[in-house]
Amino acid sequence: MDSKSKYYFLLKKNNGLLNEIDLGEQIGLDTDETQVIISQLLSEHRIEYVKNKASNYRIIKKRKTNKK
């Protein structure tokens, strides 16, 4: 599993308890690497910038569509 996937799943599991830099440090990323991953996830619309407890980012939940 690459660093971006690890960070994404850790962010999802964290639920805003730690800030985004501390999350990156848990998997061995420095501040610059963490910022690069955050910008990639933002551009992929997988996370959004929202004040969420200690973290400034949260996972974008996929909407369910009713197909008939």
PDB file of N, CA and C in Angstrom:
ATOM      1  N   MET A   1       0.852  -1.168   0.000  1.00  0.00           N
ATOM      2  CA  MET A   1       0.000   0.000   0.000  1.00  0.00           C
ATOM      3  C   MET A   1       0.902   1.237   0.000  1.00  0.00           C
ATOM      4  N   ASP A   2       0.621   2.179  -0.877  1.00  0.00           N
ATOM      5  CA  ASP A   2       1.451   3.371  -0.961  1.00  0.00           C
ATOM      6  C   ASP A   2       1.088   4.368   0.146  1.00  0.00           C
ATOM      7  N   SER A   3       1.916   5.392   0.292  1.00  0.00           N
ATOM      8  CA  SER A   3       1.748   6.375   1.364  1.00  0.00           C
ATOM      9  C   SER A   3       0.423   7.118   1.273  1.00  0.00           C
ATOM     10  N   LYS A   4      -0.007   7.425   0.044  1.00  0.00           N
ATOM     11  CA  LYS A   4      -1.262   8.162  -0.116  1.00  0.00           C
ATOM     12  C   LYS A   4      -2.440   7.332   0.369  1.00  0.00           C
ATOM     13  N   SER A   5      -2.473   6.067   0.038  1.00  0.00           N
ATOM     14  CA  SER A   5      -3.556   5.187   0.486  1.00  0.00           C
ATOM     15  C   SER A   5      -3.532   5.008   2.000  1.00  0.00           C
ATOM     16  N   LYS A   6      -2.335   4.830   2.553  1.00  0.00           N
ATOM     17  CA  LYS A   6      -2.209   4.700   4.004  1.00  0.00           C
ATOM     18  C   LYS A   6      -2.724   5.958   4.699  1.00  0.00           C
ATOM     19  N   TYR A   7      -2.331   7.113   4.174  1.00  0.00           N
ATOM     20  CA  TYR A   7      -2.749   8.376   4.783  1.00  0.00           C
ATOM     21  C   TYR A   7      -4.262   8.544   4.686  1.00  0.00           C
ATOM     22  N   TYR A   8      -4.838   8.224   3.547  1.00  0.00           N
ATOM     23  CA  TYR A   8      -6.284   8.348   3.345  1.00  0.00           C
ATOM     24  C   TYR A   8      -7.054   7.485   4.349  1.00  0.00           C
ATOM     25  N   PHE A   9      -6.657   6.227   4.488  1.00  0.00           N
ATOM     26  CA  PHE A   9      -7.351   5.337   5.415  1.00  0.00           C
ATOM     27  C   PHE A   9      -7.133   5.748   6.872  1.00  0.00           C
ATOM     28  N   LEU A  10      -5.947   6.262   7.186  1.00  0.00           N
ATOM     29  CA  LEU A  10      -5.684   6.751   8.536  1.00  0.00           C
ATOM     30  C   LEU A  10      -6.523   7.992   8.832  1.00  0.00           C
ATOM     31  N   LEU A  11      -6.662   8.877   7.852  1.00  0.00           N
ATOM     32  CA  LEU A  11      -7.500  10.066   8.014  1.00  0.00           C
ATOM     33  C   LEU A  11      -8.955   9.663   8.234  1.00  0.00           C
ATOM     34  N   LYS A  12      -9.405   8.680   7.506  1.00  0.00           N
ATOM     35  CA  LYS A  12     -10.776   8.186   7.649  1.00  0.00           C
ATOM     36  C   LYS A  12     -10.998   7.587   9.039  1.00  0.00           C
ATOM     37  N   LYS A  13     -10.050   6.809   9.496  1.00  0.00           N
ATOM     38  CA  LYS A  13     -10.148   6.162  10.801  1.00  0.00           C
ATOM     39  C   LYS A  13     -10.007   7.173  11.945  1.00  0.00           C
ATOM     40  N   ASN A  14      -9.218   8.205  11.754  1.00  0.00           N
ATOM     41  CA  ASN A  14      -8.915   9.201  12.779  1.00  0.00           C
ATOM     42  C   ASN A  14     -10.131  10.020  13.203  1.00  0.00           C
ATOM     43  N   ASN A  15     -11.018  10.319  12.268  1.00  0.00           N
ATOM     44  CA  ASN A  15     -12.245  11.071  12.544  1.00  0.00           C
ATOM     45  C   ASN A  15     -11.980  12.422  13.213  1.00  0.00           C
ATOM     46  N   GLY A  16     -10.918  13.113  12.799  1.00  0.00           N
ATOM     47  CA  GLY A  16     -10.654  14.464  13.279  1.00  0.00           C
ATOM     48  C   GLY A  16      -9.971  14.573  14.625  1.00  0.00           C
ATOM     49  N   LEU A  17      -9.499  13.479  15.195  1.00  0.00           N
ATOM     50  CA  LEU A  17      -8.891  13.533  16.522  1.00  0.00           C
ATOM     51  C   LEU A  17      -7.484  14.121  16.507  1.00  0.00           C
ATOM     52  N   LEU A  18      -6.708  13.846  15.477  1.00  0.00           N
ATOM     53  CA  LEU A  18      -5.359  14.402  15.333  1.00  0.00           C
ATOM     54  C   LEU A  18      -5.327  15.323  14.127  1.00  0.00           C
ATOM     55  N   ASN A  19      -4.401  16.287  14.151  1.00  0.00           N
ATOM     56  CA  ASN A  19      -4.287  17.143  12.968  1.00  0.00           C
ATOM     57  C   ASN A  19      -3.583  16.387  11.844  1.00  0.00           C
ATOM     58  N   GLU A  20      -3.647  16.965  10.649  1.00  0.00           N
ATOM     59  CA  GLU A  20      -3.175  16.258   9.458  1.00  0.00           C
ATOM     60  C   GLU A  20      -1.670  15.988   9.464  1.00  0.00           C
ATOM     61  N   ILE A  21      -0.881  16.856  10.079  1.00  0.00           N
ATOM     62  CA  ILE A  21       0.573  16.661  10.128  1.00  0.00           C
ATOM     63  C   ILE A  21       0.916  15.504  11.070  1.00  0.00           C
ATOM     64  N   ASP A  22       0.269  15.457  12.225  1.00  0.00           N
ATOM     65  CA  ASP A  22       0.503  14.356  13.167  1.00  0.00           C
ATOM     66  C   ASP A  22       0.113  13.010  12.569  1.00  0.00           C
ATOM     67  N   LEU A  23      -0.937  12.993  11.769  1.00  0.00           N
ATOM     68  CA  LEU A  23      -1.332  11.754  11.089  1.00  0.00           C
ATOM     69  C   LEU A  23      -0.229  11.281  10.150  1.00  0.00           C
ATOM     70  N   GLY A  24       0.336  12.221   9.393  1.00  0.00           N
ATOM     71  CA  GLY A  24       1.418  11.871   8.485  1.00  0.00           C
ATOM     72  C   GLY A  24       2.632  11.336   9.219  1.00  0.00           C
ATOM     73  N   GLU A  25       2.937  11.933  10.368  1.00  0.00           N
ATOM     74  CA  GLU A  25       4.078  11.478  11.156  1.00  0.00           C
ATOM     75  C   GLU A  25       3.879  10.051  11.662  1.00  0.00           C
ATOM     76  N   GLN A  26       2.645   9.652  11.898  1.00  0.00           N
ATOM     77  CA  GLN A  26       2.373   8.288  12.360  1.00  0.00           C
ATOM     78  C   GLN A  26       2.787   7.235  11.338  1.00  0.00           C
ATOM     79  N   ILE A  27       2.781   7.599  10.062  1.00  0.00           N
ATOM     80  CA  ILE A  27       3.198   6.630   9.035  1.00  0.00           C
ATOM     81  C   ILE A  27       4.553   6.996   8.435  1.00  0.00           C
ATOM     82  N   GLY A  28       5.289   7.884   9.125  1.00  0.00           N
ATOM     83  CA  GLY A  28       6.656   8.186   8.728  1.00  0.00           C
ATOM     84  C   GLY A  28       6.814   9.267   7.676  1.00  0.00           C
ATOM     85  N   LEU A  29       5.806  10.106   7.476  1.00  0.00           N
ATOM     86  CA  LEU A  29       5.894  11.189   6.498  1.00  0.00           C
ATOM     87  C   LEU A  29       6.326  12.478   7.180  1.00  0.00           C
ATOM     88  N   ASP A  30       7.142  13.263   6.485  1.00  0.00           N
ATOM     89  CA  ASP A  30       7.448  14.588   7.018  1.00  0.00           C
ATOM     90  C   ASP A  30       6.370  15.573   6.557  1.00  0.00           C
ATOM     91  N   THR A  31       6.481  16.814   6.993  1.00  0.00           N
ATOM     92  CA  THR A  31       5.456  17.819   6.706  1.00  0.00           C
ATOM     93  C   THR A  31       5.266  18.033   5.211  1.00  0.00           C
ATOM     94  N   ASP A  32       6.367  18.113   4.462  1.00  0.00           N
ATOM     95  CA  ASP A  32       6.272  18.349   3.017  1.00  0.00           C
ATOM     96  C   ASP A  32       5.576  17.195   2.298  1.00  0.00           C
ATOM     97  N   GLU A  33       5.942  15.976   2.649  1.00  0.00           N
ATOM     98  CA  GLU A  33       5.305  14.805   2.027  1.00  0.00           C
ATOM     99  C   GLU A  33       3.809  14.765   2.350  1.00  0.00           C
ATOM    100  N   THR A  34       3.472  15.105   3.584  1.00  0.00           N
ATOM    101  CA  THR A  34       2.065  15.123   3.988  1.00  0.00           C
ATOM    102  C   THR A  34       1.289  16.156   3.190  1.00  0.00           C
ATOM    103  N   GLN A  35       1.864  17.340   2.999  1.00  0.00           N
ATOM    104  CA  GLN A  35       1.190  18.394   2.243  1.00  0.00           C
ATOM    105  C   GLN A  35       0.983  17.990   0.786  1.00  0.00           C
ATOM    106  N   VAL A  36       1.944  17.288   0.201  1.00  0.00           N
ATOM    107  CA  VAL A  36       1.807  16.814  -1.179  1.00  0.00           C
ATOM    108  C   VAL A  36       0.652  15.818  -1.277  1.00  0.00           C
ATOM    109  N   ILE A  37       0.581  14.898  -0.340  1.00  0.00           N
ATOM    110  CA  ILE A  37      -0.501  13.905  -0.343  1.00  0.00           C
ATOM    111  C   ILE A  37      -1.851  14.580  -0.147  1.00  0.00           C
ATOM    112  N   ILE A  38      -1.924  15.553   0.754  1.00  0.00           N
ATOM    113  CA  ILE A  38      -3.177  16.282   0.978  1.00  0.00           C
ATOM    114  C   ILE A  38      -3.612  16.991  -0.295  1.00  0.00           C
ATOM    115  N   SER A  39      -2.686  17.639  -0.986  1.00  0.00           N
ATOM    116  CA  SER A  39      -3.052  18.344  -2.220  1.00  0.00           C
ATOM    117  C   SER A  39      -3.513  17.367  -3.298  1.00  0.00           C
ATOM    118  N   GLN A  40      -2.905  16.179  -3.367  1.00  0.00           N
ATOM    119  CA  GLN A  40      -3.351  15.164  -4.325  1.00  0.00           C
ATOM    120  C   GLN A  40      -4.763  14.682  -4.000  1.00  0.00           C
ATOM    121  N   LEU A  41      -5.027  14.417  -2.731  1.00  0.00           N
ATOM    122  CA  LEU A  41      -6.359  13.956  -2.324  1.00  0.00           C
ATOM    123  C   LEU A  41      -7.415  15.035  -2.546  1.00  0.00           C
ATOM    124  N   LEU A  42      -7.048  16.293  -2.338  1.00  0.00           N
ATOM    125  CA  LEU A  42      -7.972  17.398  -2.616  1.00  0.00           C
ATOM    126  C   LEU A  42      -8.293  17.471  -4.100  1.00  0.00           C
ATOM    127  N   SER A  43      -7.274  17.341  -4.945  1.00  0.00           N
ATOM    128  CA  SER A  43      -7.502  17.435  -6.389  1.00  0.00           C
ATOM    129  C   SER A  43      -8.306  16.246  -6.923  1.00  0.00           C
ATOM    130  N   GLU A  44      -8.239  15.113  -6.229  1.00  0.00           N
ATOM    131  CA  GLU A  44      -9.021  13.931  -6.616  1.00  0.00           C
ATOM    132  C   GLU A  44     -10.426  13.955  -6.014  1.00  0.00           C
ATOM    133  N   HIS A  45     -10.737  15.002  -5.259  1.00  0.00           N
ATOM    134  CA  HIS A  45     -12.042  15.160  -4.587  1.00  0.00           C
ATOM    135  C   HIS A  45     -12.341  14.006  -3.634  1.00  0.00           C
ATOM    136  N   ARG A  46     -11.308  13.500  -2.981  1.00  0.00           N
ATOM    137  CA  ARG A  46     -11.485  12.435  -1.986  1.00  0.00           C
ATOM    138  C   ARG A  46     -11.582  13.004  -0.580  1.00  0.00           C
ATOM    139  N   ILE A  47     -11.028  14.221  -0.383  1.00  0.00           N
ATOM    140  CA  ILE A  47     -11.154  14.919   0.892  1.00  0.00           C
ATOM    141  C   ILE A  47     -11.545  16.357   0.608  1.00  0.00           C
ATOM    142  N   GLU A  48     -11.993  17.052   1.654  1.00  0.00           N
ATOM    143  CA  GLU A  48     -12.325  18.463   1.513  1.00  0.00           C
ATOM    144  C   GLU A  48     -11.787  19.222   2.711  1.00  0.00           C
ATOM    145  N   TYR A  49     -11.548  20.519   2.503  1.00  0.00           N
ATOM    146  CA  TYR A  49     -11.054  21.373   3.570  1.00  0.00           C
ATOM    147  C   TYR A  49     -12.237  21.864   4.390  1.00  0.00           C
ATOM    148  N   VAL A  50     -12.329  21.368   5.599  1.00  0.00           N
ATOM    149  CA  VAL A  50     -13.387  21.747   6.534  1.00  0.00           C
ATOM    150  C   VAL A  50     -12.805  21.595   7.928  1.00  0.00           C
ATOM    151  N   LYS A  51     -13.032  22.575   8.774  1.00  0.00           N
ATOM    152  CA  LYS A  51     -12.572  22.448  10.157  1.00  0.00           C
ATOM    153  C   LYS A  51     -13.326  21.290  10.800  1.00  0.00           C
ATOM    154  N   ASN A  52     -12.596  20.222  11.119  1.00  0.00           N
ATOM    155  CA  ASN A  52     -13.192  18.992  11.646  1.00  0.00           C
ATOM    156  C   ASN A  52     -12.445  18.609  12.923  1.00  0.00           C
ATOM    157  N   LYS A  53     -12.851  19.170  14.043  1.00  0.00           N
ATOM    158  CA  LYS A  53     -12.194  18.956  15.338  1.00  0.00           C
ATOM    159  C   LYS A  53     -10.742  19.422  15.236  1.00  0.00           C
ATOM    160  N   ALA A  54      -9.762  18.559  15.458  1.00  0.00           N
ATOM    161  CA  ALA A  54      -8.354  18.954  15.398  1.00  0.00           C
ATOM    162  C   ALA A  54      -7.833  19.021  13.963  1.00  0.00           C
ATOM    163  N   SER A  55      -8.471  18.305  13.062  1.00  0.00           N
ATOM    164  CA  SER A  55      -8.029  18.248  11.670  1.00  0.00           C
ATOM    165  C   SER A  55      -8.766  19.282  10.822  1.00  0.00           C
ATOM    166  N   ASN A  56      -8.120  19.722   9.757  1.00  0.00           N
ATOM    167  CA  ASN A  56      -8.743  20.673   8.836  1.00  0.00           C
ATOM    168  C   ASN A  56      -9.315  19.993   7.598  1.00  0.00           C
ATOM    169  N   TYR A  57      -9.283  18.675   7.562  1.00  0.00           N
ATOM    170  CA  TYR A  57      -9.746  17.947   6.383  1.00  0.00           C
ATOM    171  C   TYR A  57     -10.649  16.807   6.807  1.00  0.00           C
ATOM    172  N   ARG A  58     -11.574  16.453   5.929  1.00  0.00           N
ATOM    173  CA  ARG A  58     -12.416  15.288   6.176  1.00  0.00           C
ATOM    174  C   ARG A  58     -12.667  14.567   4.860  1.00  0.00           C
ATOM    175  N   ILE A  59     -13.027  13.315   4.993  1.00  0.00           N
ATOM    176  CA  ILE A  59     -13.313  12.455   3.852  1.00  0.00           C
ATOM    177  C   ILE A  59     -14.628  12.895   3.224  1.00  0.00           C
ATOM    178  N   ILE A  60     -14.660  12.952   1.903  1.00  0.00           N
ATOM    179  CA  ILE A  60     -15.908  13.232   1.198  1.00  0.00           C
ATOM    180  C   ILE A  60     -16.639  11.909   1.040  1.00  0.00           C
ATOM    181  N   LYS A  61     -17.824  11.865   1.581  1.00  0.00           N
ATOM    182  CA  LYS A  61     -18.622  10.645   1.489  1.00  0.00           C
ATOM    183  C   LYS A  61     -19.275  10.573   0.125  1.00  0.00           C
ATOM    184  N   LYS A  62     -19.246   9.396  -0.447  1.00  0.00           N
ATOM    185  CA  LYS A  62     -19.880   9.192  -1.749  1.00  0.00           C
ATOM    186  C   LYS A  62     -21.380   9.167  -1.561  1.00  0.00           C
ATOM    187  N   ARG A  63     -22.064   9.844  -2.439  1.00  0.00           N
ATOM    188  CA  ARG A  63     -23.521   9.881  -2.376  1.00  0.00           C
ATOM    189  C   ARG A  63     -24.099   8.680  -3.100  1.00  0.00           C
ATOM    190  N   LYS A  64     -25.125   8.140  -2.501  1.00  0.00           N
ATOM    191  CA  LYS A  64     -25.821   7.028  -3.144  1.00  0.00           C
ATOM    192  C   LYS A  64     -26.867   7.597  -4.082  1.00  0.00           C
ATOM    193  N   THR A  65     -26.938   7.030  -5.258  1.00  0.00           N
ATOM    194  CA  THR A  65     -27.948   7.461  -6.216  1.00  0.00           C
ATOM    195  C   THR A  65     -28.989   6.371  -6.355  1.00  0.00           C
ATOM    196  N   ASN A  66     -30.208   6.781  -6.458  1.00  0.00           N
ATOM    197  CA  ASN A  66     -31.300   5.824  -6.640  1.00  0.00           C
ATOM    198  C   ASN A  66     -31.532   5.616  -8.125  1.00  0.00           C
ATOM    199  N   LYS A  67     -31.116   4.484  -8.597  1.00  0.00           N
ATOM    200  CA  LYS A  67     -31.311   4.161 -10.009  1.00  0.00           C
ATOM    201  C   LYS A  67     -32.531   3.277 -10.138  1.00  0.00           C
ATOM    202  N   LYS A  68     -33.396   3.651 -11.023  1.00  0.00           N
ATOM    203  CA  LYS A  68     -34.619   2.868 -11.235  1.00  0.00           C
ATOM    204  C   LYS A  68     -34.638   2.271 -12.610  1.00  0.00           C
TER     205      LYS A  68
END
